[in-house]
Amino acid sequence: MSDPTGIPTPDKTDDDFWTAVSNLVEPPWNEPTQRDAFTMDEQVHDAVRALAERISTRLLAYRAADKTPDPVLMAAPDVQLALLRALYEAKLAVDRLAESAATVAGRGGANYAQLGAAWGGIKRQSARVKWPHAVVRKTAAESIPLNYAGGTAVVHHDAESEAWWYTATAADRQESESEPVHGSYAEAIAGATEFLLAHALPTENPTG
């Protein structure tokens, strides 16, 4: 495991906060342990099973009859098909989240080799094909939207003041236009993603 003691940890109110955020820490992660992998499996299974229970025709019939389905019903082939359908939704969710993470990382300074390394060690060219708009030239970056947390942001550059700002529309339809006060493209992207995340739509509570 990497020693984290030398990594700067400024607060957001500190003057060097955005500079620290913009500097990519190496290595970016520690390899997950087997325990981490097992824990992830359990958490994914819990989330997927909850969706399968909501969409299973058989289990819906039990609830419509005011009956509590016995857990053994999960072994029914049709319920397992509902589970498989839920797993497919999980895969789509992973793809969406991966695209968001790759785009934010790429716009913040990561290159395709680093994105590929994070995605299981795929080659740089494969990462470029998978996320073609994640890493862009700064001249083009101003006009390519960032899609994140259900919203969209565009970063702009004021050549006279050498400052950056963003315009954003979040998932909840809230809009924001920052002042041209960001000192770098990465800082503006960080501000945009913070706004989009703060205004993401809440996760639906199936039991609510």
N, C-alpha and C. Protein backbone atom coordinates (compact mmCIF):
# COMPACT_ATOMS: atom_id res chain seq x y z
N MET A 1 0.84 -1.20 0.00
CA MET A 1 0.00 0.00 0.00
C MET A 1 0.88 1.24 0.00
N SER A 2 0.49 2.23 -0.81
CA SER A 2 1.27 3.46 -0.90
C SER A 2 1.18 4.26 0.39
N ASP A 3 2.25 4.98 0.68
CA ASP A 3 2.29 5.82 1.87
C ASP A 3 1.59 7.15 1.56
N PRO A 4 0.46 7.45 2.24
CA PRO A 4 -0.28 8.67 1.92
C PRO A 4 0.20 9.90 2.68
N THR A 5 1.23 9.75 3.51
CA THR A 5 1.60 10.86 4.39
C THR A 5 2.13 12.07 3.64
N GLY A 6 2.67 11.87 2.43
CA GLY A 6 3.22 13.00 1.69
C GLY A 6 2.23 13.68 0.77
N ILE A 7 0.98 13.24 0.77
CA ILE A 7 -0.03 13.81 -0.12
C ILE A 7 -0.67 15.02 0.54
N PRO A 8 -0.70 16.18 -0.12
CA PRO A 8 -1.32 17.37 0.47
C PRO A 8 -2.80 17.14 0.75
N THR A 9 -3.27 17.66 1.88
CA THR A 9 -4.69 17.51 2.24
C THR A 9 -5.27 18.86 2.67
N PRO A 10 -5.23 19.87 1.79
CA PRO A 10 -5.76 21.19 2.17
C PRO A 10 -7.28 21.17 2.26
N ASP A 11 -7.82 22.07 3.07
CA ASP A 11 -9.26 22.27 3.13
C ASP A 11 -9.69 23.15 1.97
N LYS A 12 -10.98 23.12 1.66
CA LYS A 12 -11.47 23.88 0.52
C LYS A 12 -11.28 25.38 0.71
N THR A 13 -11.21 25.82 1.95
CA THR A 13 -11.03 27.25 2.22
C THR A 13 -9.57 27.69 2.09
N ASP A 14 -8.65 26.75 1.96
CA ASP A 14 -7.23 27.09 1.84
C ASP A 14 -6.93 27.61 0.43
N ASP A 15 -5.97 28.51 0.33
CA ASP A 15 -5.62 29.12 -0.95
C ASP A 15 -5.10 28.10 -1.96
N ASP A 16 -4.45 27.06 -1.47
CA ASP A 16 -3.85 26.09 -2.39
C ASP A 16 -4.74 24.88 -2.66
N PHE A 17 -6.03 24.97 -2.26
CA PHE A 17 -6.91 23.81 -2.41
C PHE A 17 -7.04 23.39 -3.86
N TRP A 18 -7.39 24.33 -4.76
CA TRP A 18 -7.64 23.96 -6.15
C TRP A 18 -6.35 23.56 -6.85
N THR A 19 -5.24 24.14 -6.45
CA THR A 19 -3.97 23.72 -7.02
C THR A 19 -3.69 22.27 -6.66
N ALA A 20 -3.96 21.91 -5.41
CA ALA A 20 -3.75 20.53 -4.98
C ALA A 20 -4.70 19.58 -5.70
N VAL A 21 -5.96 20.00 -5.87
CA VAL A 21 -6.94 19.16 -6.57
C VAL A 21 -6.52 18.92 -8.01
N SER A 22 -5.92 19.92 -8.63
CA SER A 22 -5.54 19.83 -10.05
C SER A 22 -4.32 18.96 -10.28
N ASN A 23 -3.54 18.72 -9.24
CA ASN A 23 -2.33 17.90 -9.39
C ASN A 23 -2.66 16.43 -9.16
N LEU A 24 -2.42 15.62 -10.18
CA LEU A 24 -2.75 14.20 -10.11
C LEU A 24 -1.80 13.47 -9.17
N VAL A 25 -2.36 12.78 -8.21
CA VAL A 25 -1.56 12.02 -7.23
C VAL A 25 -1.13 10.70 -7.86
N GLU A 26 0.12 10.35 -7.69
CA GLU A 26 0.65 9.06 -8.17
C GLU A 26 1.15 8.23 -7.00
N PRO A 27 0.78 6.95 -6.94
CA PRO A 27 -0.21 6.31 -7.80
C PRO A 27 -1.62 6.75 -7.42
N PRO A 28 -2.55 6.76 -8.37
CA PRO A 28 -3.90 7.24 -8.07
C PRO A 28 -4.68 6.33 -7.12
N TRP A 29 -4.33 5.06 -7.06
CA TRP A 29 -5.09 4.13 -6.22
C TRP A 29 -4.17 3.03 -5.70
N ASN A 30 -4.65 2.35 -4.66
CA ASN A 30 -4.04 1.12 -4.19
C ASN A 30 -4.86 -0.05 -4.72
N GLU A 31 -4.21 -1.12 -5.09
CA GLU A 31 -4.92 -2.26 -5.64
C GLU A 31 -5.93 -2.82 -4.63
N PRO A 32 -7.18 -3.04 -5.06
CA PRO A 32 -8.17 -3.63 -4.15
C PRO A 32 -7.72 -5.01 -3.67
N THR A 33 -8.00 -5.30 -2.43
CA THR A 33 -7.67 -6.62 -1.88
C THR A 33 -8.79 -7.60 -2.21
N GLN A 34 -8.55 -8.87 -1.92
CA GLN A 34 -9.59 -9.87 -2.13
C GLN A 34 -10.80 -9.57 -1.26
N ARG A 35 -10.56 -9.08 -0.05
CA ARG A 35 -11.67 -8.71 0.82
C ARG A 35 -12.48 -7.57 0.20
N ASP A 36 -11.77 -6.59 -0.39
CA ASP A 36 -12.47 -5.50 -1.08
C ASP A 36 -13.36 -6.04 -2.19
N ALA A 37 -12.82 -7.01 -2.95
CA ALA A 37 -13.58 -7.58 -4.07
C ALA A 37 -14.82 -8.32 -3.56
N PHE A 38 -14.66 -9.09 -2.49
CA PHE A 38 -15.80 -9.83 -1.94
C PHE A 38 -16.87 -8.86 -1.42
N THR A 39 -16.42 -7.79 -0.76
CA THR A 39 -17.36 -6.80 -0.25
C THR A 39 -18.12 -6.13 -1.39
N MET A 40 -17.41 -5.83 -2.48
CA MET A 40 -18.06 -5.24 -3.65
C MET A 40 -19.09 -6.20 -4.23
N ASP A 41 -18.73 -7.48 -4.32
CA ASP A 41 -19.67 -8.48 -4.83
C ASP A 41 -20.96 -8.48 -4.00
N GLU A 42 -20.81 -8.44 -2.69
CA GLU A 42 -21.98 -8.48 -1.81
C GLU A 42 -22.84 -7.23 -2.01
N GLN A 43 -22.20 -6.08 -2.12
CA GLN A 43 -22.96 -4.84 -2.27
C GLN A 43 -23.67 -4.78 -3.61
N VAL A 44 -22.99 -5.22 -4.66
CA VAL A 44 -23.63 -5.25 -5.98
C VAL A 44 -24.78 -6.24 -5.98
N HIS A 45 -24.57 -7.41 -5.37
CA HIS A 45 -25.63 -8.41 -5.33
C HIS A 45 -26.85 -7.89 -4.59
N ASP A 46 -26.62 -7.19 -3.48
CA ASP A 46 -27.75 -6.64 -2.72
C ASP A 46 -28.54 -5.65 -3.57
N ALA A 47 -27.83 -4.77 -4.28
CA ALA A 47 -28.51 -3.77 -5.10
C ALA A 47 -29.26 -4.42 -6.26
N VAL A 48 -28.62 -5.40 -6.89
CA VAL A 48 -29.24 -6.06 -8.04
C VAL A 48 -30.42 -6.91 -7.61
N ARG A 49 -30.28 -7.59 -6.49
CA ARG A 49 -31.39 -8.42 -6.00
C ARG A 49 -32.60 -7.55 -5.66
N ALA A 50 -32.35 -6.37 -5.08
CA ALA A 50 -33.47 -5.47 -4.76
C ALA A 50 -34.22 -5.07 -6.03
N LEU A 51 -33.47 -4.80 -7.11
CA LEU A 51 -34.13 -4.46 -8.37
C LEU A 51 -34.87 -5.67 -8.94
N ALA A 52 -34.24 -6.84 -8.87
CA ALA A 52 -34.89 -8.05 -9.38
C ALA A 52 -36.20 -8.32 -8.65
N GLU A 53 -36.21 -8.10 -7.36
CA GLU A 53 -37.43 -8.32 -6.58
C GLU A 53 -38.53 -7.33 -6.98
N ARG A 54 -38.13 -6.14 -7.42
CA ARG A 54 -39.13 -5.15 -7.83
C ARG A 54 -39.69 -5.43 -9.22
N ILE A 55 -38.91 -6.09 -10.09
CA ILE A 55 -39.36 -6.27 -11.47
C ILE A 55 -39.82 -7.70 -11.77
N SER A 56 -39.58 -8.64 -10.87
CA SER A 56 -39.98 -10.02 -11.11
C SER A 56 -41.50 -10.14 -11.17
N THR A 57 -42.00 -10.72 -12.26
CA THR A 57 -43.44 -10.90 -12.41
C THR A 57 -44.01 -11.79 -11.31
N ARG A 58 -43.29 -12.86 -10.98
CA ARG A 58 -43.76 -13.77 -9.94
C ARG A 58 -43.84 -13.07 -8.59
N LEU A 59 -42.80 -12.33 -8.24
CA LEU A 59 -42.79 -11.67 -6.94
C LEU A 59 -43.80 -10.52 -6.89
N LEU A 60 -44.03 -9.87 -8.03
CA LEU A 60 -45.07 -8.86 -8.09
C LEU A 60 -46.44 -9.48 -7.81
N ALA A 61 -46.65 -10.70 -8.32
CA ALA A 61 -47.93 -11.38 -8.09
C ALA A 61 -48.12 -11.69 -6.61
N TYR A 62 -47.05 -12.09 -5.93
CA TYR A 62 -47.15 -12.35 -4.50
C TYR A 62 -47.53 -11.08 -3.75
N ARG A 63 -46.89 -9.98 -4.10
CA ARG A 63 -47.20 -8.73 -3.40
C ARG A 63 -48.61 -8.25 -3.71
N ALA A 64 -49.06 -8.47 -4.95
CA ALA A 64 -50.42 -8.09 -5.30
C ALA A 64 -51.45 -8.88 -4.50
N ALA A 65 -51.06 -10.10 -4.11
CA ALA A 65 -51.95 -10.94 -3.30
C ALA A 65 -51.73 -10.72 -1.81
N ASP A 66 -51.00 -9.65 -1.47
CA ASP A 66 -50.69 -9.33 -0.06
C ASP A 66 -49.97 -10.47 0.65
N LYS A 67 -49.09 -11.13 -0.09
CA LYS A 67 -48.29 -12.20 0.48
C LYS A 67 -46.82 -11.80 0.46
N THR A 68 -46.09 -12.23 1.47
CA THR A 68 -44.65 -12.00 1.51
C THR A 68 -43.95 -13.14 0.81
N PRO A 69 -43.22 -12.87 -0.27
CA PRO A 69 -42.55 -13.95 -0.99
C PRO A 69 -41.51 -14.63 -0.11
N ASP A 70 -41.50 -15.95 -0.15
CA ASP A 70 -40.48 -16.71 0.57
C ASP A 70 -39.14 -16.52 -0.15
N PRO A 71 -38.05 -16.34 0.61
CA PRO A 71 -36.74 -16.16 -0.04
C PRO A 71 -36.36 -17.28 -1.00
N VAL A 72 -36.91 -18.49 -0.78
CA VAL A 72 -36.57 -19.61 -1.65
C VAL A 72 -37.06 -19.38 -3.08
N LEU A 73 -38.01 -18.46 -3.25
CA LEU A 73 -38.51 -18.17 -4.59
C LEU A 73 -37.44 -17.57 -5.49
N MET A 74 -36.36 -17.06 -4.89
CA MET A 74 -35.27 -16.53 -5.70
C MET A 74 -34.66 -17.61 -6.58
N ALA A 75 -34.87 -18.89 -6.23
CA ALA A 75 -34.32 -19.99 -7.02
C ALA A 75 -35.17 -20.30 -8.25
N ALA A 76 -36.36 -19.72 -8.35
CA ALA A 76 -37.21 -19.98 -9.51
C ALA A 76 -36.53 -19.45 -10.77
N PRO A 77 -36.60 -20.19 -11.88
CA PRO A 77 -35.89 -19.77 -13.09
C PRO A 77 -36.32 -18.40 -13.60
N ASP A 78 -37.61 -18.09 -13.49
CA ASP A 78 -38.06 -16.78 -13.97
C ASP A 78 -37.55 -15.66 -13.07
N VAL A 79 -37.42 -15.93 -11.78
CA VAL A 79 -36.88 -14.91 -10.87
C VAL A 79 -35.39 -14.71 -11.16
N GLN A 80 -34.70 -15.80 -11.48
CA GLN A 80 -33.29 -15.67 -11.85
C GLN A 80 -33.13 -14.90 -13.16
N LEU A 81 -34.10 -15.05 -14.06
CA LEU A 81 -34.07 -14.25 -15.29
C LEU A 81 -34.28 -12.77 -14.96
N ALA A 82 -35.15 -12.50 -14.00
CA ALA A 82 -35.32 -11.11 -13.56
C ALA A 82 -34.02 -10.60 -12.93
N LEU A 83 -33.33 -11.48 -12.20
CA LEU A 83 -32.04 -11.11 -11.63
C LEU A 83 -31.02 -10.81 -12.73
N LEU A 84 -31.04 -11.64 -13.77
CA LEU A 84 -30.13 -11.42 -14.89
C LEU A 84 -30.43 -10.09 -15.58
N ARG A 85 -31.72 -9.77 -15.70
CA ARG A 85 -32.10 -8.48 -16.29
C ARG A 85 -31.62 -7.33 -15.41
N ALA A 86 -31.71 -7.51 -14.11
CA ALA A 86 -31.23 -6.49 -13.19
C ALA A 86 -29.71 -6.34 -13.27
N LEU A 87 -29.02 -7.46 -13.47
CA LEU A 87 -27.56 -7.40 -13.63
C LEU A 87 -27.18 -6.62 -14.89
N TYR A 88 -27.99 -6.76 -15.93
CA TYR A 88 -27.73 -5.99 -17.14
C TYR A 88 -27.87 -4.50 -16.86
N GLU A 89 -28.88 -4.13 -16.07
CA GLU A 89 -29.03 -2.72 -15.70
C GLU A 89 -27.83 -2.25 -14.89
N ALA A 90 -27.30 -3.14 -14.05
CA ALA A 90 -26.11 -2.79 -13.28
C ALA A 90 -24.92 -2.54 -14.21
N LYS A 91 -24.81 -3.37 -15.25
CA LYS A 91 -23.74 -3.18 -16.23
C LYS A 91 -23.86 -1.83 -16.92
N LEU A 92 -25.09 -1.47 -17.31
CA LEU A 92 -25.30 -0.17 -17.94
C LEU A 92 -24.94 0.96 -16.99
N ALA A 93 -25.29 0.78 -15.71
CA ALA A 93 -24.96 1.80 -14.72
C ALA A 93 -23.45 1.94 -14.58
N VAL A 94 -22.74 0.81 -14.56
CA VAL A 94 -21.27 0.85 -14.47
C VAL A 94 -20.69 1.57 -15.68
N ASP A 95 -21.23 1.29 -16.87
CA ASP A 95 -20.73 1.94 -18.08
C ASP A 95 -20.93 3.46 -18.00
N ARG A 96 -22.09 3.88 -17.52
CA ARG A 96 -22.36 5.32 -17.40
C ARG A 96 -21.43 5.97 -16.39
N LEU A 97 -21.26 5.31 -15.25
CA LEU A 97 -20.41 5.87 -14.20
C LEU A 97 -18.95 5.88 -14.64
N ALA A 98 -18.54 4.84 -15.38
CA ALA A 98 -17.16 4.79 -15.87
C ALA A 98 -16.90 5.91 -16.87
N GLU A 99 -17.86 6.18 -17.73
CA GLU A 99 -17.69 7.26 -18.69
C GLU A 99 -17.57 8.60 -17.98
N SER A 100 -18.39 8.80 -16.94
CA SER A 100 -18.31 10.05 -16.18
C SER A 100 -16.96 10.18 -15.50
N ALA A 101 -16.51 9.09 -14.84
CA ALA A 101 -15.23 9.14 -14.13
C ALA A 101 -14.07 9.37 -15.10
N ALA A 102 -14.10 8.68 -16.24
CA ALA A 102 -13.03 8.84 -17.23
C ALA A 102 -13.01 10.25 -17.79
N THR A 103 -14.19 10.81 -18.03
CA THR A 103 -14.26 12.16 -18.59
C THR A 103 -13.75 13.20 -17.60
N VAL A 104 -14.19 13.09 -16.35
CA VAL A 104 -13.73 14.05 -15.34
C VAL A 104 -12.22 13.92 -15.14
N ALA A 105 -11.72 12.68 -15.09
CA ALA A 105 -10.28 12.47 -14.92
C ALA A 105 -9.51 13.01 -16.12
N GLY A 106 -10.01 12.72 -17.32
CA GLY A 106 -9.33 13.17 -18.53
C GLY A 106 -9.34 14.68 -18.67
N ARG A 107 -10.48 15.30 -18.38
CA ARG A 107 -10.55 16.76 -18.47
C ARG A 107 -9.68 17.41 -17.39
N GLY A 108 -9.43 16.65 -16.32
CA GLY A 108 -8.61 17.19 -15.23
C GLY A 108 -7.12 16.98 -15.41
N GLY A 109 -6.72 16.28 -16.48
CA GLY A 109 -5.29 16.13 -16.74
C GLY A 109 -4.80 14.72 -16.93
N ALA A 110 -5.63 13.72 -16.66
CA ALA A 110 -5.20 12.33 -16.87
C ALA A 110 -5.12 12.04 -18.36
N ASN A 111 -4.21 11.15 -18.76
CA ASN A 111 -4.09 10.79 -20.17
C ASN A 111 -4.72 9.41 -20.40
N TYR A 112 -4.76 9.01 -21.67
CA TYR A 112 -5.42 7.75 -21.99
C TYR A 112 -4.68 6.54 -21.44
N ALA A 113 -3.37 6.64 -21.31
CA ALA A 113 -2.63 5.53 -20.70
C ALA A 113 -3.06 5.34 -19.25
N GLN A 114 -3.27 6.43 -18.54
CA GLN A 114 -3.70 6.34 -17.14
C GLN A 114 -5.15 5.86 -17.04
N LEU A 115 -6.00 6.31 -17.95
CA LEU A 115 -7.38 5.82 -17.95
C LEU A 115 -7.42 4.32 -18.22
N GLY A 116 -6.61 3.87 -19.18
CA GLY A 116 -6.56 2.45 -19.48
C GLY A 116 -6.05 1.63 -18.32
N ALA A 117 -5.04 2.15 -17.62
CA ALA A 117 -4.51 1.44 -16.46
C ALA A 117 -5.57 1.27 -15.39
N ALA A 118 -6.37 2.32 -15.19
CA ALA A 118 -7.42 2.25 -14.18
C ALA A 118 -8.52 1.28 -14.58
N TRP A 119 -8.77 1.14 -15.88
CA TRP A 119 -9.83 0.26 -16.37
C TRP A 119 -9.26 -1.14 -16.64
N GLY A 120 -8.65 -1.70 -15.64
CA GLY A 120 -8.19 -3.08 -15.74
C GLY A 120 -6.95 -3.29 -16.57
N GLY A 121 -6.25 -2.19 -16.92
CA GLY A 121 -5.01 -2.34 -17.66
C GLY A 121 -5.16 -2.43 -19.16
N ILE A 122 -6.26 -1.89 -19.71
CA ILE A 122 -6.40 -1.91 -21.17
C ILE A 122 -5.40 -0.93 -21.79
N LYS A 123 -5.10 -1.13 -23.06
CA LYS A 123 -4.12 -0.29 -23.73
C LYS A 123 -4.67 1.12 -23.96
N ARG A 124 -3.74 2.04 -24.16
CA ARG A 124 -4.11 3.44 -24.36
C ARG A 124 -5.08 3.60 -25.53
N GLN A 125 -4.81 2.89 -26.63
CA GLN A 125 -5.67 3.01 -27.80
C GLN A 125 -7.08 2.52 -27.49
N SER A 126 -7.18 1.45 -26.70
CA SER A 126 -8.49 0.92 -26.34
C SER A 126 -9.25 1.91 -25.46
N ALA A 127 -8.52 2.58 -24.56
CA ALA A 127 -9.16 3.58 -23.71
C ALA A 127 -9.66 4.76 -24.56
N ARG A 128 -8.89 5.13 -25.58
CA ARG A 128 -9.30 6.22 -26.45
C ARG A 128 -10.58 5.86 -27.22
N VAL A 129 -10.65 4.60 -27.67
CA VAL A 129 -11.84 4.15 -28.39
C VAL A 129 -13.05 4.10 -27.45
N LYS A 130 -12.82 3.67 -26.22
CA LYS A 130 -13.92 3.52 -25.26
C LYS A 130 -14.47 4.87 -24.83
N TRP A 131 -13.57 5.84 -24.60
CA TRP A 131 -13.99 7.18 -24.14
C TRP A 131 -13.36 8.23 -25.05
N PRO A 132 -13.85 8.39 -26.26
CA PRO A 132 -13.17 9.25 -27.24
C PRO A 132 -13.12 10.72 -26.86
N HIS A 133 -14.02 11.16 -25.99
CA HIS A 133 -14.05 12.58 -25.64
C HIS A 133 -13.52 12.85 -24.23
N ALA A 134 -12.90 11.85 -23.62
CA ALA A 134 -12.44 12.05 -22.24
C ALA A 134 -11.24 12.98 -22.17
N VAL A 135 -10.29 12.80 -23.05
CA VAL A 135 -9.08 13.62 -23.06
C VAL A 135 -9.11 14.47 -24.33
N VAL A 136 -9.12 15.78 -24.15
CA VAL A 136 -9.22 16.67 -25.30
C VAL A 136 -8.17 17.76 -25.21
N ARG A 137 -7.84 18.32 -26.35
CA ARG A 137 -6.94 19.48 -26.35
C ARG A 137 -7.67 20.65 -25.71
N LYS A 138 -6.91 21.50 -25.05
CA LYS A 138 -7.53 22.61 -24.35
C LYS A 138 -8.31 23.52 -25.30
N THR A 139 -7.85 23.66 -26.55
CA THR A 139 -8.57 24.52 -27.48
C THR A 139 -9.93 23.94 -27.82
N ALA A 140 -10.00 22.60 -27.87
CA ALA A 140 -11.27 21.96 -28.17
C ALA A 140 -12.10 21.75 -26.92
N ALA A 141 -11.44 21.73 -25.76
CA ALA A 141 -12.15 21.39 -24.52
C ALA A 141 -13.23 22.40 -24.18
N GLU A 142 -13.06 23.64 -24.67
CA GLU A 142 -14.03 24.67 -24.31
C GLU A 142 -15.41 24.39 -24.90
N SER A 143 -15.48 23.66 -26.00
CA SER A 143 -16.75 23.48 -26.68
C SER A 143 -17.33 22.08 -26.53
N ILE A 144 -16.63 21.18 -25.86
CA ILE A 144 -17.13 19.82 -25.68
C ILE A 144 -17.78 19.69 -24.31
N PRO A 145 -19.08 19.39 -24.26
CA PRO A 145 -19.77 19.34 -22.97
C PRO A 145 -19.26 18.19 -22.10
N LEU A 146 -19.35 18.40 -20.81
CA LEU A 146 -19.07 17.36 -19.83
C LEU A 146 -20.40 16.86 -19.30
N ASN A 147 -20.68 15.57 -19.47
CA ASN A 147 -21.89 14.97 -18.94
C ASN A 147 -21.55 14.27 -17.64
N TYR A 148 -22.23 14.67 -16.56
CA TYR A 148 -21.89 14.12 -15.25
C TYR A 148 -23.10 14.22 -14.34
N ALA A 149 -23.37 13.13 -13.60
CA ALA A 149 -24.44 13.10 -12.60
C ALA A 149 -25.78 13.53 -13.19
N GLY A 150 -26.01 13.19 -14.45
CA GLY A 150 -27.28 13.52 -15.08
C GLY A 150 -27.38 14.92 -15.64
N GLY A 151 -26.31 15.71 -15.51
CA GLY A 151 -26.32 17.07 -16.01
C GLY A 151 -25.22 17.30 -17.03
N THR A 152 -25.11 18.54 -17.49
CA THR A 152 -24.13 18.90 -18.52
C THR A 152 -23.46 20.21 -18.16
N ALA A 153 -22.17 20.29 -18.42
CA ALA A 153 -21.43 21.53 -18.18
C ALA A 153 -20.49 21.79 -19.35
N VAL A 154 -20.23 23.07 -19.60
CA VAL A 154 -19.27 23.47 -20.62
C VAL A 154 -18.31 24.47 -19.99
N VAL A 155 -17.02 24.26 -20.21
CA VAL A 155 -15.99 25.14 -19.66
C VAL A 155 -15.58 26.15 -20.72
N HIS A 156 -15.41 27.40 -20.30
CA HIS A 156 -15.03 28.49 -21.20
C HIS A 156 -13.74 29.13 -20.71
N HIS A 157 -13.05 29.79 -21.64
CA HIS A 157 -11.77 30.42 -21.31
C HIS A 157 -11.80 31.89 -21.70
N ASP A 158 -11.40 32.74 -20.78
CA ASP A 158 -11.26 34.17 -21.05
C ASP A 158 -9.79 34.44 -21.33
N ALA A 159 -9.46 34.62 -22.61
CA ALA A 159 -8.06 34.76 -23.00
C ALA A 159 -7.42 36.01 -22.41
N GLU A 160 -8.20 37.07 -22.23
CA GLU A 160 -7.63 38.32 -21.73
C GLU A 160 -7.19 38.19 -20.28
N SER A 161 -8.03 37.58 -19.47
CA SER A 161 -7.70 37.46 -18.05
C SER A 161 -7.05 36.13 -17.71
N GLU A 162 -6.93 35.23 -18.71
CA GLU A 162 -6.38 33.90 -18.49
C GLU A 162 -7.14 33.17 -17.38
N ALA A 163 -8.45 33.37 -17.36
CA ALA A 163 -9.29 32.72 -16.35
C ALA A 163 -10.27 31.79 -17.04
N TRP A 164 -10.77 30.84 -16.27
CA TRP A 164 -11.72 29.86 -16.78
C TRP A 164 -13.01 29.95 -15.99
N TRP A 165 -14.13 29.64 -16.65
CA TRP A 165 -15.40 29.55 -15.94
C TRP A 165 -16.25 28.49 -16.62
N TYR A 166 -17.37 28.15 -15.99
CA TYR A 166 -18.23 27.11 -16.55
C TYR A 166 -19.69 27.54 -16.55
N THR A 167 -20.44 26.98 -17.46
CA THR A 167 -21.89 27.05 -17.44
C THR A 167 -22.39 25.62 -17.32
N ALA A 168 -23.43 25.43 -16.52
CA ALA A 168 -23.88 24.07 -16.25
C ALA A 168 -25.38 24.02 -16.05
N THR A 169 -25.96 22.92 -16.49
CA THR A 169 -27.36 22.60 -16.21
C THR A 169 -27.40 21.23 -15.56
N ALA A 170 -27.88 21.18 -14.32
CA ALA A 170 -27.85 19.94 -13.55
C ALA A 170 -29.07 19.07 -13.85
N ALA A 171 -29.06 17.87 -13.29
CA ALA A 171 -30.15 16.92 -13.52
C ALA A 171 -31.48 17.45 -13.02
N ASP A 172 -31.44 18.29 -11.97
CA ASP A 172 -32.69 18.84 -11.43
C ASP A 172 -33.10 20.14 -12.12
N ARG A 173 -32.45 20.44 -13.27
CA ARG A 173 -32.74 21.61 -14.11
C ARG A 173 -32.22 22.91 -13.53
N GLN A 174 -31.51 22.84 -12.42
CA GLN A 174 -30.87 24.05 -11.90
C GLN A 174 -29.71 24.43 -12.82
N GLU A 175 -29.53 25.73 -13.02
CA GLU A 175 -28.47 26.21 -13.90
C GLU A 175 -27.48 27.06 -13.11
N SER A 176 -26.24 27.06 -13.58
CA SER A 176 -25.21 27.84 -12.90
C SER A 176 -24.22 28.36 -13.93
N GLU A 177 -23.78 29.59 -13.73
CA GLU A 177 -22.69 30.15 -14.52
C GLU A 177 -21.71 30.78 -13.55
N SER A 178 -20.54 30.19 -13.47
CA SER A 178 -19.56 30.68 -12.50
C SER A 178 -18.91 31.97 -13.00
N GLU A 179 -18.31 32.68 -12.08
CA GLU A 179 -17.51 33.83 -12.45
C GLU A 179 -16.19 33.35 -13.06
N PRO A 180 -15.57 34.14 -13.94
CA PRO A 180 -14.28 33.73 -14.53
C PRO A 180 -13.14 33.91 -13.54
N VAL A 181 -13.16 33.05 -12.53
CA VAL A 181 -12.17 33.18 -11.45
C VAL A 181 -11.29 31.95 -11.31
N HIS A 182 -11.58 30.91 -12.09
CA HIS A 182 -10.79 29.68 -11.96
C HIS A 182 -9.46 29.84 -12.68
N GLY A 183 -8.41 29.42 -12.02
CA GLY A 183 -7.08 29.62 -12.56
C GLY A 183 -6.64 28.60 -13.58
N SER A 184 -7.41 27.52 -13.75
CA SER A 184 -7.04 26.49 -14.71
C SER A 184 -8.29 25.79 -15.20
N TYR A 185 -8.12 25.09 -16.31
CA TYR A 185 -9.23 24.30 -16.86
C TYR A 185 -9.67 23.24 -15.85
N ALA A 186 -8.69 22.58 -15.22
CA ALA A 186 -9.01 21.52 -14.26
C ALA A 186 -9.80 22.07 -13.07
N GLU A 187 -9.46 23.28 -12.64
CA GLU A 187 -10.18 23.89 -11.51
C GLU A 187 -11.62 24.18 -11.90
N ALA A 188 -11.83 24.67 -13.12
CA ALA A 188 -13.19 24.94 -13.58
C ALA A 188 -14.00 23.65 -13.70
N ILE A 189 -13.37 22.60 -14.21
CA ILE A 189 -14.04 21.30 -14.31
C ILE A 189 -14.43 20.80 -12.92
N ALA A 190 -13.52 20.96 -11.96
CA ALA A 190 -13.82 20.51 -10.60
C ALA A 190 -15.02 21.26 -10.03
N GLY A 191 -15.07 22.57 -10.28
CA GLY A 191 -16.21 23.35 -9.80
C GLY A 191 -17.51 22.93 -10.47
N ALA A 192 -17.44 22.63 -11.77
CA ALA A 192 -18.63 22.21 -12.50
C ALA A 192 -19.13 20.87 -11.99
N THR A 193 -18.23 19.92 -11.78
CA THR A 193 -18.65 18.60 -11.31
C THR A 193 -19.22 18.69 -9.89
N GLU A 194 -18.67 19.58 -9.08
CA GLU A 194 -19.21 19.76 -7.73
C GLU A 194 -20.65 20.26 -7.80
N PHE A 195 -20.91 21.22 -8.68
CA PHE A 195 -22.28 21.74 -8.84
C PHE A 195 -23.22 20.65 -9.36
N LEU A 196 -22.78 19.92 -10.39
CA LEU A 196 -23.64 18.88 -10.96
C LEU A 196 -23.95 17.79 -9.94
N LEU A 197 -22.96 17.43 -9.14
CA LEU A 197 -23.18 16.39 -8.14
C LEU A 197 -24.13 16.88 -7.04
N ALA A 198 -24.00 18.15 -6.67
CA ALA A 198 -24.86 18.70 -5.62
C ALA A 198 -26.31 18.77 -6.06
N HIS A 199 -26.54 18.82 -7.38
CA HIS A 199 -27.90 18.95 -7.90
C HIS A 199 -28.32 17.72 -8.69
N ALA A 200 -27.69 16.58 -8.39
CA ALA A 200 -28.12 15.33 -9.01
C ALA A 200 -29.47 14.92 -8.44
N LEU A 201 -30.23 14.20 -9.23
CA LEU A 201 -31.53 13.75 -8.75
C LEU A 201 -31.34 12.73 -7.64
N PRO A 202 -32.16 12.80 -6.59
CA PRO A 202 -32.01 11.84 -5.49
C PRO A 202 -32.34 10.43 -5.95
N THR A 203 -31.68 9.47 -5.31
CA THR A 203 -31.96 8.06 -5.62
C THR A 203 -33.33 7.69 -5.11
N GLU A 204 -34.10 7.05 -5.98
CA GLU A 204 -35.46 6.65 -5.60
C GLU A 204 -35.42 5.62 -4.50
N ASN A 205 -36.24 5.81 -3.48
CA ASN A 205 -36.34 4.85 -2.39
C ASN A 205 -37.50 3.91 -2.66
N PRO A 206 -37.23 2.65 -3.02
CA PRO A 206 -38.30 1.75 -3.41
C PRO A 206 -39.25 1.42 -2.28
N THR A 207 -38.83 1.63 -1.03
CA THR A 207 -39.70 1.29 0.09
C THR A 207 -40.44 2.50 0.62
N GLY A 208 -40.13 3.69 0.04
CA GLY A 208 -40.72 4.92 0.53
C GLY A 208 -42.13 5.12 0.03
